[in-house]
Amino acid sequence: MENKKGMKVEPLNFFSNDMKVAKDQLAHNHLKLTYQRDSVTDLEQKHKEWAQEDTAS
């Protein structure tokens, strides 16, 4: 019995050899990401504090 699913599929290439990102742009994006993470963490902390204040009242 012969396997009819013998077609070959090339793996997807998610990275482009033509795309280049400058080192300073990477650093800038990293700083933005860090700021966003800190902002979300601060917001989550504030929500917890507000929830505790509401339950105490």
N, C-alpha and C. Protein backbone atom coordinates (compact mmCIF):
# COMPACT_ATOMS: atom_id res chain seq x y z
N MET A 1 0.84 -1.17 0.00
CA MET A 1 0.00 0.00 0.00
C MET A 1 0.90 1.24 0.00
N GLU A 2 0.68 2.11 -0.93
CA GLU A 2 1.53 3.29 -1.09
C GLU A 2 0.91 4.50 -0.39
N ASN A 3 1.73 5.27 0.27
CA ASN A 3 1.27 6.47 0.96
C ASN A 3 1.07 7.58 -0.06
N LYS A 4 -0.17 8.04 -0.20
CA LYS A 4 -0.46 9.07 -1.20
C LYS A 4 -0.26 10.48 -0.64
N LYS A 5 0.07 10.58 0.63
CA LYS A 5 0.31 11.89 1.23
C LYS A 5 1.80 12.23 1.16
N GLY A 6 2.43 11.85 0.10
CA GLY A 6 3.87 12.03 -0.03
C GLY A 6 4.29 13.38 -0.55
N MET A 7 3.37 14.35 -0.66
CA MET A 7 3.80 15.65 -1.17
C MET A 7 4.63 16.36 -0.12
N LYS A 8 5.65 17.03 -0.58
CA LYS A 8 6.57 17.71 0.33
C LYS A 8 6.11 19.15 0.52
N VAL A 9 6.10 19.56 1.76
CA VAL A 9 5.73 20.93 2.11
C VAL A 9 6.96 21.59 2.69
N GLU A 10 7.33 22.72 2.11
CA GLU A 10 8.49 23.44 2.62
C GLU A 10 8.10 24.17 3.91
N PRO A 11 8.98 24.16 4.89
CA PRO A 11 8.65 24.86 6.14
C PRO A 11 8.53 26.36 5.91
N LEU A 12 7.65 26.98 6.69
CA LEU A 12 7.44 28.41 6.56
C LEU A 12 8.66 29.17 7.07
N ASN A 13 8.99 30.24 6.39
CA ASN A 13 10.09 31.09 6.80
C ASN A 13 9.51 32.37 7.37
N PHE A 14 9.56 32.51 8.69
CA PHE A 14 8.97 33.67 9.33
C PHE A 14 9.91 34.86 9.37
N PHE A 15 11.14 34.66 9.02
CA PHE A 15 12.12 35.73 9.09
C PHE A 15 12.57 36.11 7.69
N SER A 16 12.73 37.38 7.47
CA SER A 16 13.16 37.87 6.18
C SER A 16 14.63 38.25 6.24
N ASN A 17 15.36 37.86 5.23
CA ASN A 17 16.77 38.23 5.16
C ASN A 17 16.94 39.68 4.71
N ASP A 18 15.87 40.26 4.13
CA ASP A 18 15.95 41.62 3.61
C ASP A 18 15.66 42.67 4.68
N MET A 19 15.02 42.28 5.75
CA MET A 19 14.61 43.25 6.76
C MET A 19 15.73 43.47 7.77
N LYS A 20 16.04 44.71 7.99
CA LYS A 20 17.07 45.05 8.96
C LYS A 20 16.52 46.11 9.90
N VAL A 21 16.80 45.95 11.17
CA VAL A 21 16.36 46.91 12.18
C VAL A 21 17.60 47.46 12.86
N ALA A 22 17.64 48.77 12.95
CA ALA A 22 18.80 49.41 13.56
C ALA A 22 18.85 49.10 15.05
N LYS A 23 20.07 49.09 15.57
CA LYS A 23 20.27 48.77 16.99
C LYS A 23 19.58 49.79 17.89
N ASP A 24 19.62 51.06 17.51
CA ASP A 24 18.96 52.08 18.32
C ASP A 24 17.45 51.93 18.29
N GLN A 25 16.91 51.46 17.17
CA GLN A 25 15.47 51.23 17.08
C GLN A 25 15.06 50.06 17.99
N LEU A 26 15.88 49.03 18.03
CA LEU A 26 15.62 47.91 18.94
C LEU A 26 15.65 48.38 20.40
N ALA A 27 16.63 49.20 20.73
CA ALA A 27 16.74 49.71 22.09
C ALA A 27 15.53 50.58 22.44
N HIS A 28 15.10 51.41 21.50
CA HIS A 28 13.94 52.27 21.72
C HIS A 28 12.68 51.43 21.93
N ASN A 29 12.50 50.41 21.11
CA ASN A 29 11.33 49.53 21.25
C ASN A 29 11.36 48.79 22.58
N HIS A 30 12.55 48.40 23.02
CA HIS A 30 12.68 47.71 24.31
C HIS A 30 12.30 48.64 25.45
N LEU A 31 12.72 49.90 25.37
CA LEU A 31 12.35 50.88 26.40
C LEU A 31 10.83 51.10 26.43
N LYS A 32 10.22 51.18 25.25
CA LYS A 32 8.76 51.36 25.20
C LYS A 32 8.05 50.16 25.82
N LEU A 33 8.52 48.97 25.51
CA LEU A 33 7.92 47.76 26.06
C LEU A 33 8.05 47.72 27.58
N THR A 34 9.22 48.08 28.08
CA THR A 34 9.45 48.10 29.52
C THR A 34 8.52 49.11 30.19
N TYR A 35 8.37 50.28 29.59
CA TYR A 35 7.47 51.30 30.13
C TYR A 35 6.03 50.79 30.16
N GLN A 36 5.60 50.14 29.08
CA GLN A 36 4.24 49.62 29.03
C GLN A 36 4.01 48.54 30.08
N ARG A 37 4.98 47.68 30.28
CA ARG A 37 4.86 46.64 31.32
C ARG A 37 4.73 47.27 32.70
N ASP A 38 5.55 48.28 32.96
CA ASP A 38 5.49 48.96 34.26
C ASP A 38 4.15 49.66 34.45
N SER A 39 3.63 50.27 33.38
CA SER A 39 2.35 50.96 33.47
C SER A 39 1.22 49.98 33.78
N VAL A 40 1.24 48.83 33.12
CA VAL A 40 0.21 47.81 33.36
C VAL A 40 0.31 47.28 34.78
N THR A 41 1.52 47.06 35.25
CA THR A 41 1.71 46.58 36.63
C THR A 41 1.19 47.60 37.63
N ASP A 42 1.50 48.87 37.40
CA ASP A 42 1.01 49.93 38.28
C ASP A 42 -0.51 49.99 38.27
N LEU A 43 -1.10 49.86 37.09
CA LEU A 43 -2.55 49.90 36.97
C LEU A 43 -3.20 48.72 37.69
N GLU A 44 -2.62 47.54 37.56
CA GLU A 44 -3.15 46.38 38.26
C GLU A 44 -3.08 46.58 39.77
N GLN A 45 -1.99 47.16 40.25
CA GLN A 45 -1.85 47.43 41.69
C GLN A 45 -2.91 48.42 42.15
N LYS A 46 -3.15 49.46 41.36
CA LYS A 46 -4.17 50.45 41.71
C LYS A 46 -5.55 49.80 41.76
N HIS A 47 -5.84 48.92 40.81
CA HIS A 47 -7.14 48.25 40.79
C HIS A 47 -7.32 47.40 42.05
N LYS A 48 -6.26 46.72 42.47
CA LYS A 48 -6.34 45.92 43.70
C LYS A 48 -6.60 46.82 44.91
N GLU A 49 -5.91 47.95 44.97
CA GLU A 49 -6.12 48.89 46.08
C GLU A 49 -7.54 49.42 46.08
N TRP A 50 -8.05 49.79 44.91
CA TRP A 50 -9.41 50.31 44.81
C TRP A 50 -10.43 49.25 45.22
N ALA A 51 -10.18 48.01 44.83
CA ALA A 51 -11.10 46.92 45.20
C ALA A 51 -11.11 46.72 46.71
N GLN A 52 -9.95 46.82 47.34
CA GLN A 52 -9.89 46.68 48.80
C GLN A 52 -10.60 47.83 49.48
N GLU A 53 -10.46 49.04 48.94
CA GLU A 53 -11.14 50.20 49.52
C GLU A 53 -12.65 50.05 49.39
N ASP A 54 -13.11 49.51 48.26
CA ASP A 54 -14.55 49.32 48.06
C ASP A 54 -15.11 48.27 49.01
N THR A 55 -14.37 47.21 49.25
CA THR A 55 -14.86 46.17 50.14
C THR A 55 -14.82 46.63 51.60
N ALA A 56 -13.91 47.53 51.93
CA ALA A 56 -13.81 48.04 53.29
C ALA A 56 -14.94 49.03 53.60
N SER A 57 -15.46 49.68 52.57
CA SER A 57 -16.52 50.68 52.79
C SER A 57 -17.87 50.07 52.94
